[in-house]
């Protein structure tokens, strides 16, 4: 199962592994760090938002869909989660995530697996699932949300880029030139997508140029 543009998106992320991870590590020239803090501030804000809204992680299992280089996976494992699995379809992202997990000594708790999200196994249901920076590159979010619903036991946290921000046309042109399509959403669209795919959309918060969303499978709002 795949969707249009999947190959383009995965090829883009395979090319940008080191540069992407450096946003989190700060291993860049000073001018580049300044630009990240100015133009990509919401990447740091969304990280803090996700961890804060995950609640008490003791004994919890977590799946990070579109895990990239595993920075959320590592943070969850270090914060007391019982089991953390990162899923990503870009091989080089998964390779670096696995290496970083090993360097952190978290192999007993955390792992990264290489699957396109639509093809990831449904044999395990996680207490918490997250999809951060996934829907930016998803032309049709509904099949992804339907898939995520099947493996979500209690809490789903996600982000969506906001429509009509000053950054929208800049991102669209920049990523388009790099061969990576990008998509944007309104809060109304986000609520409708969650409703359609079996989630109760509990809260949508604006964080910079993105929406951060708290949802749960319908019929299960206990955490």
N, C-alpha and C. Protein backbone atom coordinates (compact mmCIF):
# COMPACT_ATOMS: atom_id res chain seq x y z
N UNK A 1 0.86 -1.19 0.00
CA UNK A 1 0.00 0.00 0.00
C UNK A 1 0.89 1.23 0.00
N UNK A 2 0.58 2.16 -0.86
CA UNK A 2 1.37 3.39 -0.91
C UNK A 2 0.48 4.51 -1.41
N UNK A 3 0.98 5.72 -1.35
CA UNK A 3 0.22 6.85 -1.86
C UNK A 3 1.09 7.63 -2.82
N UNK A 4 0.52 8.47 -3.66
CA UNK A 4 1.33 9.26 -4.58
C UNK A 4 2.37 10.08 -3.83
N UNK A 5 3.54 10.20 -4.41
CA UNK A 5 4.63 11.03 -3.90
C UNK A 5 5.42 10.40 -2.75
N UNK A 6 5.03 9.19 -2.30
CA UNK A 6 5.77 8.55 -1.20
C UNK A 6 7.24 8.40 -1.53
N UNK A 7 7.55 7.93 -2.73
CA UNK A 7 8.95 7.73 -3.11
C UNK A 7 9.72 9.04 -3.11
N UNK A 8 9.10 10.11 -3.56
CA UNK A 8 9.76 11.42 -3.56
C UNK A 8 10.07 11.88 -2.14
N UNK A 9 9.12 11.69 -1.25
CA UNK A 9 9.30 12.11 0.14
C UNK A 9 10.42 11.32 0.80
N UNK A 10 10.40 9.99 0.64
CA UNK A 10 11.43 9.16 1.27
C UNK A 10 12.81 9.45 0.68
N UNK A 11 12.87 9.70 -0.61
CA UNK A 11 14.16 10.04 -1.24
C UNK A 11 14.70 11.35 -0.67
N UNK A 12 13.81 12.32 -0.47
CA UNK A 12 14.23 13.60 0.12
C UNK A 12 14.81 13.38 1.50
N UNK A 13 14.11 12.63 2.35
CA UNK A 13 14.59 12.43 3.72
C UNK A 13 15.85 11.59 3.78
N UNK A 14 16.03 10.70 2.84
CA UNK A 14 17.29 9.95 2.79
C UNK A 14 18.46 10.87 2.48
N UNK A 15 18.21 11.93 1.71
CA UNK A 15 19.27 12.86 1.34
C UNK A 15 19.60 13.84 2.46
N UNK A 16 18.69 14.04 3.40
CA UNK A 16 18.85 15.14 4.35
C UNK A 16 19.01 14.66 5.80
N UNK A 17 19.45 13.43 5.98
CA UNK A 17 19.53 12.85 7.32
C UNK A 17 20.38 13.68 8.27
N UNK A 18 21.62 13.93 7.89
CA UNK A 18 22.54 14.63 8.79
C UNK A 18 22.08 16.05 9.08
N UNK A 19 21.64 16.77 8.05
CA UNK A 19 21.19 18.13 8.24
C UNK A 19 19.97 18.20 9.14
N UNK A 20 19.06 17.25 8.99
CA UNK A 20 17.86 17.23 9.82
C UNK A 20 18.22 16.98 11.28
N UNK A 21 19.06 15.99 11.53
CA UNK A 21 19.39 15.67 12.92
C UNK A 21 20.16 16.81 13.58
N UNK A 22 20.91 17.56 12.80
CA UNK A 22 21.68 18.68 13.36
C UNK A 22 20.78 19.78 13.90
N UNK A 23 19.52 19.82 13.47
CA UNK A 23 18.58 20.80 14.03
C UNK A 23 18.41 20.54 15.52
N UNK A 24 18.43 19.26 15.90
CA UNK A 24 18.26 18.90 17.31
C UNK A 24 19.57 18.98 18.08
N UNK A 25 20.68 18.62 17.44
CA UNK A 25 21.95 18.59 18.15
C UNK A 25 22.64 19.94 18.19
N UNK A 26 22.31 20.82 17.23
CA UNK A 26 22.98 22.11 17.15
C UNK A 26 24.37 22.04 16.55
N UNK A 27 24.72 20.92 15.94
CA UNK A 27 26.04 20.76 15.34
C UNK A 27 26.06 21.41 13.96
N UNK A 28 26.03 22.73 13.97
CA UNK A 28 26.00 23.53 12.75
C UNK A 28 26.81 24.78 12.99
N UNK A 29 27.20 25.50 11.92
CA UNK A 29 27.82 26.82 12.12
C UNK A 29 26.87 27.75 12.87
N UNK A 30 27.43 28.77 13.49
CA UNK A 30 26.63 29.69 14.29
C UNK A 30 25.49 30.31 13.54
N UNK A 31 25.72 30.73 12.29
CA UNK A 31 24.67 31.37 11.51
C UNK A 31 23.52 30.41 11.25
N UNK A 32 23.86 29.12 11.04
CA UNK A 32 22.83 28.12 10.77
C UNK A 32 22.01 27.84 12.03
N UNK A 33 22.67 27.82 13.18
CA UNK A 33 21.93 27.64 14.44
C UNK A 33 20.99 28.80 14.68
N UNK A 34 21.45 30.00 14.34
CA UNK A 34 20.60 31.18 14.50
C UNK A 34 19.35 31.07 13.62
N UNK A 35 19.52 30.64 12.38
CA UNK A 35 18.39 30.49 11.48
C UNK A 35 17.42 29.43 11.99
N UNK A 36 17.96 28.33 12.50
CA UNK A 36 17.10 27.28 13.05
C UNK A 36 16.26 27.81 14.20
N UNK A 37 16.89 28.54 15.09
CA UNK A 37 16.17 29.06 16.26
C UNK A 37 15.14 30.11 15.86
N UNK A 38 15.42 30.80 14.76
CA UNK A 38 14.49 31.85 14.31
C UNK A 38 13.37 31.29 13.45
N UNK A 39 13.74 30.47 12.44
CA UNK A 39 12.77 30.00 11.46
C UNK A 39 12.18 28.64 11.78
N UNK A 40 12.87 27.86 12.62
CA UNK A 40 12.37 26.53 12.95
C UNK A 40 12.08 26.39 14.44
N UNK A 41 11.75 27.50 15.06
CA UNK A 41 11.52 27.49 16.50
C UNK A 41 10.42 26.51 16.88
N UNK A 42 9.40 26.39 16.00
CA UNK A 42 8.30 25.50 16.37
C UNK A 42 8.71 24.03 16.38
N UNK A 43 9.84 23.68 15.76
CA UNK A 43 10.32 22.30 15.87
C UNK A 43 10.72 21.98 17.30
N UNK A 44 11.35 22.95 17.97
CA UNK A 44 11.71 22.76 19.37
C UNK A 44 10.47 22.84 20.25
N UNK A 45 9.56 23.74 19.90
CA UNK A 45 8.34 23.90 20.68
C UNK A 45 7.47 22.66 20.60
N UNK A 46 7.39 22.07 19.43
CA UNK A 46 6.56 20.88 19.29
C UNK A 46 7.14 19.70 20.05
N UNK A 47 8.45 19.62 20.11
CA UNK A 47 9.09 18.57 20.91
C UNK A 47 8.66 18.70 22.37
N UNK A 48 8.78 19.90 22.91
CA UNK A 48 8.39 20.13 24.30
C UNK A 48 6.90 19.86 24.50
N UNK A 49 6.09 20.27 23.54
CA UNK A 49 4.64 20.06 23.62
C UNK A 49 4.31 18.58 23.67
N UNK A 50 4.91 17.80 22.79
CA UNK A 50 4.63 16.36 22.74
C UNK A 50 5.02 15.67 24.05
N UNK A 51 6.20 15.97 24.54
CA UNK A 51 6.64 15.31 25.77
C UNK A 51 5.74 15.72 26.95
N UNK A 52 5.36 16.98 27.01
CA UNK A 52 4.50 17.45 28.09
C UNK A 52 3.14 16.78 28.05
N UNK A 53 2.58 16.65 26.86
CA UNK A 53 1.24 16.10 26.73
C UNK A 53 1.18 14.58 26.72
N UNK A 54 2.33 13.94 26.82
CA UNK A 54 2.37 12.48 26.91
C UNK A 54 2.06 12.00 28.31
N UNK A 55 2.18 12.88 29.30
CA UNK A 55 1.85 12.51 30.67
C UNK A 55 2.87 11.57 31.30
N UNK A 56 2.42 10.87 32.31
CA UNK A 56 3.28 9.92 33.02
C UNK A 56 3.56 8.72 32.12
N UNK A 57 4.82 8.48 31.83
CA UNK A 57 5.19 7.43 30.88
C UNK A 57 5.52 6.09 31.55
N UNK A 58 5.47 6.03 32.84
CA UNK A 58 5.85 4.81 33.55
C UNK A 58 5.01 3.63 33.07
N UNK A 59 5.69 2.60 32.58
CA UNK A 59 5.00 1.39 32.14
C UNK A 59 4.30 1.50 30.80
N UNK A 60 4.41 2.63 30.12
CA UNK A 60 3.69 2.85 28.86
C UNK A 60 4.51 2.37 27.66
N UNK A 61 3.78 1.98 26.62
CA UNK A 61 4.41 1.67 25.34
C UNK A 61 4.09 2.80 24.38
N UNK A 62 5.08 3.13 23.52
CA UNK A 62 4.96 4.29 22.63
C UNK A 62 5.42 3.90 21.23
N UNK A 63 4.71 4.38 20.22
CA UNK A 63 5.15 4.23 18.83
C UNK A 63 5.26 5.60 18.19
N UNK A 64 6.44 5.91 17.67
CA UNK A 64 6.70 7.17 16.96
C UNK A 64 6.68 6.87 15.47
N UNK A 65 5.63 7.30 14.80
CA UNK A 65 5.48 7.06 13.37
C UNK A 65 6.11 8.21 12.59
N UNK A 66 7.04 7.87 11.71
CA UNK A 66 7.85 8.88 11.05
C UNK A 66 8.91 9.38 12.01
N UNK A 67 9.63 8.44 12.63
CA UNK A 67 10.52 8.75 13.76
C UNK A 67 11.78 9.50 13.37
N UNK A 68 12.09 9.56 12.07
CA UNK A 68 13.31 10.26 11.67
C UNK A 68 14.53 9.65 12.33
N UNK A 69 15.35 10.48 12.92
CA UNK A 69 16.59 10.00 13.54
C UNK A 69 16.41 9.55 14.99
N UNK A 70 15.16 9.46 15.44
CA UNK A 70 14.89 8.83 16.73
C UNK A 70 14.99 9.72 17.95
N UNK A 71 14.96 11.02 17.78
CA UNK A 71 15.12 11.91 18.94
C UNK A 71 13.95 11.80 19.91
N UNK A 72 12.74 11.61 19.41
CA UNK A 72 11.60 11.41 20.30
C UNK A 72 11.68 10.02 20.93
N UNK A 73 12.08 9.04 20.15
CA UNK A 73 12.21 7.67 20.67
C UNK A 73 13.14 7.65 21.88
N UNK A 74 14.28 8.28 21.74
CA UNK A 74 15.25 8.34 22.83
C UNK A 74 14.70 9.09 24.03
N UNK A 75 14.04 10.20 23.77
CA UNK A 75 13.47 10.99 24.88
C UNK A 75 12.42 10.19 25.64
N UNK A 76 11.58 9.46 24.93
CA UNK A 76 10.57 8.64 25.61
C UNK A 76 11.22 7.55 26.45
N UNK A 77 12.21 6.89 25.88
CA UNK A 77 12.88 5.81 26.62
C UNK A 77 13.57 6.35 27.87
N UNK A 78 14.17 7.52 27.74
CA UNK A 78 14.86 8.13 28.88
C UNK A 78 13.88 8.67 29.92
N UNK A 79 12.62 8.85 29.52
CA UNK A 79 11.61 9.42 30.43
C UNK A 79 10.77 8.35 31.12
N UNK A 80 11.14 7.08 30.95
CA UNK A 80 10.50 6.03 31.72
C UNK A 80 9.53 5.14 30.98
N UNK A 81 9.38 5.30 29.66
CA UNK A 81 8.48 4.42 28.92
C UNK A 81 9.01 2.99 28.96
N UNK A 82 8.09 2.05 29.00
CA UNK A 82 8.47 0.63 29.06
C UNK A 82 9.01 0.12 27.74
N UNK A 83 8.39 0.56 26.64
CA UNK A 83 8.79 0.12 25.30
C UNK A 83 8.53 1.26 24.33
N UNK A 84 9.50 1.52 23.45
CA UNK A 84 9.36 2.59 22.46
C UNK A 84 9.81 2.06 21.11
N UNK A 85 8.95 2.20 20.11
CA UNK A 85 9.27 1.75 18.75
C UNK A 85 9.15 2.94 17.81
N UNK A 86 10.19 3.18 17.04
CA UNK A 86 10.16 4.20 16.00
C UNK A 86 9.98 3.54 14.65
N UNK A 87 9.11 4.11 13.83
CA UNK A 87 8.83 3.59 12.48
C UNK A 87 9.16 4.67 11.47
N UNK A 88 9.94 4.32 10.46
CA UNK A 88 10.23 5.28 9.39
C UNK A 88 10.52 4.52 8.11
N UNK A 89 10.13 5.11 6.98
CA UNK A 89 10.34 4.45 5.70
C UNK A 89 11.64 4.83 5.01
N UNK A 90 12.40 5.77 5.58
CA UNK A 90 13.67 6.19 4.98
C UNK A 90 14.81 5.40 5.61
N UNK A 91 15.47 4.53 4.87
CA UNK A 91 16.48 3.64 5.44
C UNK A 91 17.58 4.36 6.21
N UNK A 92 18.07 5.47 5.68
CA UNK A 92 19.17 6.16 6.36
C UNK A 92 18.72 6.80 7.67
N UNK A 93 17.47 7.23 7.73
CA UNK A 93 16.93 7.74 9.00
C UNK A 93 16.92 6.63 10.04
N UNK A 94 16.45 5.46 9.66
CA UNK A 94 16.36 4.33 10.59
C UNK A 94 17.76 3.89 11.02
N UNK A 95 18.70 3.90 10.10
CA UNK A 95 20.07 3.51 10.46
C UNK A 95 20.65 4.44 11.51
N UNK A 96 20.48 5.75 11.31
CA UNK A 96 21.01 6.69 12.29
C UNK A 96 20.24 6.59 13.61
N UNK A 97 18.93 6.44 13.56
CA UNK A 97 18.14 6.28 14.78
C UNK A 97 18.62 5.07 15.57
N UNK A 98 18.84 3.96 14.90
CA UNK A 98 19.30 2.74 15.58
C UNK A 98 20.66 2.96 16.21
N UNK A 99 21.54 3.67 15.51
CA UNK A 99 22.87 3.96 16.04
C UNK A 99 22.80 4.85 17.27
N UNK A 100 21.94 5.85 17.23
CA UNK A 100 21.81 6.77 18.37
C UNK A 100 21.18 6.08 19.57
N UNK A 101 20.23 5.19 19.32
CA UNK A 101 19.64 4.40 20.41
C UNK A 101 20.70 3.55 21.09
N UNK A 102 21.55 2.94 20.27
CA UNK A 102 22.64 2.11 20.82
C UNK A 102 23.63 2.96 21.60
N UNK A 103 24.00 4.11 21.06
CA UNK A 103 24.93 5.00 21.76
C UNK A 103 24.39 5.43 23.12
N UNK A 104 23.07 5.58 23.19
CA UNK A 104 22.44 6.00 24.45
C UNK A 104 22.24 4.83 25.42
N UNK A 105 22.55 3.62 24.97
CA UNK A 105 22.40 2.45 25.82
C UNK A 105 20.95 2.08 26.10
N UNK A 106 20.09 2.30 25.11
CA UNK A 106 18.65 2.11 25.31
C UNK A 106 18.08 0.94 24.52
N UNK A 107 18.95 0.03 24.06
CA UNK A 107 18.50 -1.06 23.20
C UNK A 107 17.45 -1.95 23.85
N UNK A 108 17.47 -2.05 25.17
CA UNK A 108 16.53 -2.93 25.87
C UNK A 108 15.11 -2.36 25.86
N UNK A 109 15.01 -1.06 25.63
CA UNK A 109 13.71 -0.38 25.71
C UNK A 109 13.24 0.14 24.36
N UNK A 110 14.19 0.58 23.53
CA UNK A 110 13.84 1.30 22.30
C UNK A 110 14.41 0.63 21.06
N UNK A 111 13.72 0.81 19.95
CA UNK A 111 14.21 0.32 18.66
C UNK A 111 13.61 1.14 17.54
N UNK A 112 14.27 1.11 16.39
CA UNK A 112 13.76 1.76 15.18
C UNK A 112 13.57 0.69 14.11
N UNK A 113 12.45 0.74 13.43
CA UNK A 113 12.12 -0.24 12.41
C UNK A 113 11.86 0.46 11.09
N UNK A 114 12.29 -0.17 10.00
CA UNK A 114 12.12 0.42 8.68
C UNK A 114 10.85 -0.09 8.01
N UNK A 115 9.84 0.75 8.00
CA UNK A 115 8.59 0.48 7.30
C UNK A 115 8.00 1.80 6.82
N UNK A 116 7.45 1.86 5.61
CA UNK A 116 6.55 2.96 5.30
C UNK A 116 5.38 2.88 6.28
N UNK A 117 4.88 3.99 6.73
CA UNK A 117 3.86 3.99 7.77
C UNK A 117 2.65 3.14 7.38
N UNK A 118 2.22 3.23 6.15
CA UNK A 118 1.05 2.47 5.74
C UNK A 118 1.28 0.97 5.75
N UNK A 119 2.54 0.54 5.80
CA UNK A 119 2.87 -0.88 5.79
C UNK A 119 3.35 -1.40 7.13
N UNK A 120 3.32 -0.57 8.16
CA UNK A 120 3.86 -1.03 9.44
C UNK A 120 2.94 -2.09 10.04
N UNK A 121 3.50 -3.02 10.83
CA UNK A 121 2.69 -4.11 11.40
C UNK A 121 1.58 -3.59 12.31
N UNK A 122 0.50 -4.36 12.37
CA UNK A 122 -0.62 -4.03 13.24
C UNK A 122 -0.75 -5.03 14.38
N UNK A 123 0.32 -5.78 14.63
CA UNK A 123 0.27 -6.85 15.64
C UNK A 123 0.39 -6.33 17.06
N UNK A 124 0.79 -5.07 17.23
CA UNK A 124 0.97 -4.50 18.56
C UNK A 124 0.20 -3.20 18.68
N UNK A 125 -0.51 -3.05 19.78
CA UNK A 125 -1.23 -1.81 20.08
C UNK A 125 -0.46 -1.07 21.17
N UNK A 126 -0.21 0.21 20.94
CA UNK A 126 0.61 1.02 21.85
C UNK A 126 -0.28 1.94 22.68
N UNK A 127 0.15 2.19 23.91
CA UNK A 127 -0.59 3.13 24.75
C UNK A 127 -0.62 4.51 24.11
N UNK A 128 0.53 4.93 23.56
CA UNK A 128 0.67 6.25 22.96
C UNK A 128 1.25 6.10 21.56
N UNK A 129 0.65 6.79 20.60
CA UNK A 129 1.28 6.91 19.29
C UNK A 129 1.46 8.39 18.99
N UNK A 130 2.51 8.70 18.24
CA UNK A 130 2.74 10.07 17.82
C UNK A 130 3.08 10.09 16.34
N UNK A 131 2.71 11.17 15.68
CA UNK A 131 3.07 11.41 14.28
C UNK A 131 3.42 12.89 14.17
N UNK A 132 4.69 13.18 14.30
CA UNK A 132 5.18 14.57 14.32
C UNK A 132 5.90 14.85 13.01
N UNK A 133 5.42 15.83 12.26
CA UNK A 133 6.04 16.15 10.99
C UNK A 133 5.76 15.13 9.91
N UNK A 134 4.70 14.37 10.07
CA UNK A 134 4.32 13.35 9.09
C UNK A 134 3.34 13.91 8.06
N UNK A 135 2.32 14.60 8.54
CA UNK A 135 1.24 15.03 7.66
C UNK A 135 1.63 16.21 6.78
N UNK A 136 2.78 16.82 7.07
CA UNK A 136 3.34 17.83 6.18
C UNK A 136 3.53 17.26 4.77
N UNK A 137 3.84 15.97 4.70
CA UNK A 137 4.26 15.36 3.44
C UNK A 137 3.27 14.29 2.98
N UNK A 138 2.02 14.40 3.45
CA UNK A 138 1.01 13.39 3.17
C UNK A 138 -0.13 14.01 2.38
N UNK A 139 -0.28 13.57 1.15
CA UNK A 139 -1.31 14.15 0.29
C UNK A 139 -2.71 13.79 0.77
N UNK A 140 -2.88 12.55 1.22
CA UNK A 140 -4.17 12.09 1.73
C UNK A 140 -3.93 11.54 3.13
N UNK A 141 -4.29 12.32 4.14
CA UNK A 141 -3.99 11.94 5.52
C UNK A 141 -4.89 10.82 6.04
N UNK A 142 -6.06 10.63 5.45
CA UNK A 142 -7.03 9.69 6.00
C UNK A 142 -6.50 8.26 6.11
N UNK A 143 -5.87 7.68 5.07
CA UNK A 143 -5.36 6.31 5.22
C UNK A 143 -4.31 6.18 6.32
N UNK A 144 -3.51 7.23 6.51
CA UNK A 144 -2.51 7.21 7.58
C UNK A 144 -3.19 7.21 8.94
N UNK A 145 -4.19 8.05 9.11
CA UNK A 145 -4.91 8.10 10.38
C UNK A 145 -5.65 6.80 10.65
N UNK A 146 -6.21 6.19 9.61
CA UNK A 146 -6.88 4.90 9.78
C UNK A 146 -5.89 3.84 10.26
N UNK A 147 -4.70 3.86 9.68
CA UNK A 147 -3.65 2.92 10.09
C UNK A 147 -3.25 3.16 11.53
N UNK A 148 -3.03 4.41 11.87
CA UNK A 148 -2.59 4.76 13.23
C UNK A 148 -3.66 4.40 14.25
N UNK A 149 -4.92 4.58 13.89
CA UNK A 149 -6.02 4.23 14.79
C UNK A 149 -5.95 2.76 15.20
N UNK A 150 -5.54 1.89 14.29
CA UNK A 150 -5.50 0.46 14.56
C UNK A 150 -4.45 0.08 15.60
N UNK A 151 -3.42 0.91 15.77
CA UNK A 151 -2.36 0.56 16.71
C UNK A 151 -2.31 1.49 17.92
N UNK A 152 -3.34 2.32 18.07
CA UNK A 152 -3.39 3.28 19.18
C UNK A 152 -4.35 2.78 20.25
N UNK A 153 -3.82 2.61 21.47
CA UNK A 153 -4.65 2.16 22.56
C UNK A 153 -5.34 3.27 23.31
N UNK A 154 -4.65 4.40 23.52
CA UNK A 154 -5.21 5.43 24.37
C UNK A 154 -5.02 6.85 23.84
N UNK A 155 -3.80 7.21 23.51
CA UNK A 155 -3.48 8.61 23.21
C UNK A 155 -2.74 8.74 21.89
N UNK A 156 -3.18 9.70 21.07
CA UNK A 156 -2.51 10.00 19.81
C UNK A 156 -2.18 11.48 19.76
N UNK A 157 -0.91 11.79 19.59
CA UNK A 157 -0.43 13.16 19.48
C UNK A 157 0.14 13.37 18.08
N UNK A 158 -0.22 14.48 17.46
CA UNK A 158 0.25 14.72 16.09
C UNK A 158 0.41 16.20 15.82
N UNK A 159 1.07 16.50 14.72
CA UNK A 159 1.23 17.88 14.28
C UNK A 159 0.82 18.01 12.81
N UNK A 160 0.30 19.17 12.47
CA UNK A 160 -0.10 19.49 11.10
C UNK A 160 0.35 20.92 10.81
N UNK A 161 0.97 21.17 9.65
CA UNK A 161 1.33 22.55 9.31
C UNK A 161 0.09 23.38 9.01
N UNK A 162 0.08 24.59 9.53
CA UNK A 162 -1.09 25.45 9.39
C UNK A 162 -1.17 26.09 8.01
N UNK A 163 -2.39 26.16 7.53
CA UNK A 163 -2.66 26.91 6.30
C UNK A 163 -2.57 28.41 6.58
N UNK A 164 -2.21 29.18 5.57
CA UNK A 164 -2.19 30.64 5.61
C UNK A 164 -1.29 31.22 6.70
N UNK A 165 -0.07 30.72 6.76
CA UNK A 165 0.96 31.39 7.53
C UNK A 165 1.97 31.98 6.55
N UNK A 166 2.79 32.89 7.01
CA UNK A 166 3.76 33.50 6.09
C UNK A 166 4.76 32.47 5.58
N UNK A 167 4.96 31.40 6.35
CA UNK A 167 5.92 30.38 5.95
C UNK A 167 5.37 29.42 4.92
N UNK A 168 4.06 29.37 4.75
CA UNK A 168 3.47 28.38 3.86
C UNK A 168 4.00 28.49 2.43
N UNK A 169 3.93 29.64 1.78
CA UNK A 169 4.44 29.70 0.41
C UNK A 169 5.94 29.49 0.32
N UNK A 170 6.67 29.92 1.36
CA UNK A 170 8.13 29.72 1.36
C UNK A 170 8.46 28.24 1.40
N UNK A 171 7.81 27.51 2.32
CA UNK A 171 8.06 26.07 2.41
C UNK A 171 7.65 25.35 1.14
N UNK A 172 6.52 25.74 0.58
CA UNK A 172 6.01 25.07 -0.62
C UNK A 172 6.99 25.23 -1.78
N UNK A 173 7.52 26.43 -1.95
CA UNK A 173 8.47 26.66 -3.05
C UNK A 173 9.80 25.97 -2.77
N UNK A 174 10.33 26.15 -1.55
CA UNK A 174 11.64 25.58 -1.21
C UNK A 174 11.64 24.07 -1.34
N UNK A 175 10.66 23.40 -0.72
CA UNK A 175 10.62 21.95 -0.77
C UNK A 175 10.25 21.45 -2.16
N UNK A 176 9.42 22.21 -2.87
CA UNK A 176 9.09 21.83 -4.23
C UNK A 176 10.32 21.80 -5.13
N UNK A 177 11.20 22.78 -4.95
CA UNK A 177 12.44 22.79 -5.72
C UNK A 177 13.35 21.63 -5.37
N UNK A 178 13.21 21.11 -4.16
CA UNK A 178 14.02 19.97 -3.71
C UNK A 178 13.34 18.64 -4.01
N UNK A 179 12.18 18.70 -4.66
CA UNK A 179 11.50 17.48 -5.06
C UNK A 179 10.65 16.85 -4.00
N UNK A 180 10.29 17.62 -2.96
CA UNK A 180 9.50 17.08 -1.86
C UNK A 180 8.20 17.87 -1.73
N UNK A 181 7.06 17.27 -2.02
CA UNK A 181 5.78 17.98 -1.88
C UNK A 181 5.46 18.24 -0.42
N UNK A 182 4.72 19.32 -0.14
CA UNK A 182 4.33 19.65 1.23
C UNK A 182 2.88 20.12 1.23
N UNK A 183 2.16 19.80 2.31
CA UNK A 183 0.72 20.07 2.36
C UNK A 183 0.38 20.80 3.66
N UNK A 184 -0.73 21.54 3.64
CA UNK A 184 -1.11 22.37 4.78
C UNK A 184 -2.58 22.15 5.12
N UNK A 185 -2.95 22.49 6.36
CA UNK A 185 -4.27 22.14 6.87
C UNK A 185 -4.89 23.27 7.66
N UNK A 186 -6.23 23.29 7.67
CA UNK A 186 -6.97 24.15 8.58
C UNK A 186 -7.41 23.31 9.77
N UNK A 187 -7.77 23.98 10.87
CA UNK A 187 -8.25 23.25 12.05
C UNK A 187 -9.52 22.47 11.72
N UNK A 188 -10.37 23.04 10.89
CA UNK A 188 -11.61 22.35 10.49
C UNK A 188 -11.29 21.06 9.75
N UNK A 189 -10.32 21.09 8.85
CA UNK A 189 -9.94 19.89 8.12
C UNK A 189 -9.38 18.83 9.07
N UNK A 190 -8.60 19.26 10.03
CA UNK A 190 -8.00 18.32 10.98
C UNK A 190 -9.08 17.62 11.81
N UNK A 191 -10.04 18.38 12.29
CA UNK A 191 -11.13 17.78 13.07
C UNK A 191 -11.92 16.78 12.22
N UNK A 192 -12.20 17.15 10.99
CA UNK A 192 -12.97 16.28 10.10
C UNK A 192 -12.21 14.99 9.81
N UNK A 193 -10.90 15.09 9.60
CA UNK A 193 -10.09 13.91 9.34
C UNK A 193 -10.09 12.96 10.53
N UNK A 194 -9.96 13.50 11.72
CA UNK A 194 -9.98 12.65 12.91
C UNK A 194 -11.34 11.98 13.09
N UNK A 195 -12.40 12.75 12.90
CA UNK A 195 -13.76 12.21 13.03
C UNK A 195 -13.99 11.08 12.04
N UNK A 196 -13.52 11.28 10.82
CA UNK A 196 -13.72 10.30 9.75
C UNK A 196 -12.99 9.00 10.02
N UNK A 197 -11.87 9.06 10.72
CA UNK A 197 -11.00 7.89 10.86
C UNK A 197 -11.06 7.24 12.25
N UNK A 198 -12.04 7.62 13.05
CA UNK A 198 -12.25 6.92 14.30
C UNK A 198 -11.57 7.50 15.52
N UNK A 199 -11.11 8.73 15.42
CA UNK A 199 -10.51 9.41 16.55
C UNK A 199 -11.44 10.48 17.12
N UNK A 200 -11.38 10.67 18.41
CA UNK A 200 -12.00 11.83 19.04
C UNK A 200 -10.93 12.90 19.16
N UNK A 201 -11.13 14.00 18.44
CA UNK A 201 -10.16 15.10 18.46
C UNK A 201 -10.45 15.96 19.69
N UNK A 202 -9.63 15.83 20.71
CA UNK A 202 -9.91 16.46 21.99
C UNK A 202 -9.43 17.91 22.07
N UNK A 203 -8.32 18.19 21.42
CA UNK A 203 -7.76 19.55 21.54
C UNK A 203 -6.83 19.82 20.37
N UNK A 204 -6.94 21.04 19.82
CA UNK A 204 -6.01 21.51 18.78
C UNK A 204 -5.39 22.80 19.28
N UNK A 205 -4.08 22.84 19.34
CA UNK A 205 -3.37 24.03 19.81
C UNK A 205 -2.47 24.57 18.72
N UNK A 206 -2.43 25.90 18.61
CA UNK A 206 -1.52 26.54 17.67
C UNK A 206 -0.16 26.70 18.33
N UNK A 207 0.87 26.18 17.68
CA UNK A 207 2.24 26.31 18.16
C UNK A 207 3.06 26.82 16.98
N UNK A 208 3.34 28.12 16.97
CA UNK A 208 4.03 28.69 15.82
C UNK A 208 3.22 28.49 14.55
N UNK A 209 3.85 27.92 13.54
CA UNK A 209 3.19 27.72 12.26
C UNK A 209 2.54 26.35 12.13
N UNK A 210 2.38 25.66 13.26
CA UNK A 210 1.79 24.33 13.20
C UNK A 210 0.61 24.21 14.16
N UNK A 211 -0.20 23.18 13.93
CA UNK A 211 -1.22 22.77 14.88
C UNK A 211 -0.71 21.52 15.61
N UNK A 212 -0.87 21.50 16.92
CA UNK A 212 -0.57 20.32 17.72
C UNK A 212 -1.89 19.74 18.20
N UNK A 213 -2.07 18.45 18.02
CA UNK A 213 -3.38 17.83 18.20
C UNK A 213 -3.32 16.71 19.24
N UNK A 214 -4.26 16.74 20.18
CA UNK A 214 -4.45 15.66 21.15
C UNK A 214 -5.71 14.91 20.75
N UNK A 215 -5.60 13.60 20.55
CA UNK A 215 -6.75 12.80 20.15
C UNK A 215 -6.69 11.43 20.85
N UNK A 216 -7.81 10.74 20.82
CA UNK A 216 -7.87 9.39 21.36
C UNK A 216 -8.82 8.57 20.51
N UNK A 217 -8.65 7.26 20.49
CA UNK A 217 -9.60 6.42 19.75
C UNK A 217 -11.01 6.61 20.31
N UNK A 218 -11.99 6.71 19.45
CA UNK A 218 -13.36 6.89 19.93
C UNK A 218 -13.75 5.74 20.85
N UNK A 219 -14.39 6.10 21.94
CA UNK A 219 -14.79 5.09 22.91
C UNK A 219 -13.74 4.83 23.95
N UNK A 220 -12.56 5.48 23.82
CA UNK A 220 -11.50 5.30 24.80
C UNK A 220 -10.82 6.62 25.04
N UNK A 221 -11.28 7.35 26.01
CA UNK A 221 -10.70 8.64 26.35
C UNK A 221 -10.02 8.59 27.71
N UNK A 222 -9.80 7.39 28.24
CA UNK A 222 -9.15 7.24 29.54
C UNK A 222 -7.65 7.14 29.36
N UNK A 223 -6.91 7.89 30.19
CA UNK A 223 -5.46 7.82 30.11
C UNK A 223 -4.88 7.68 31.53
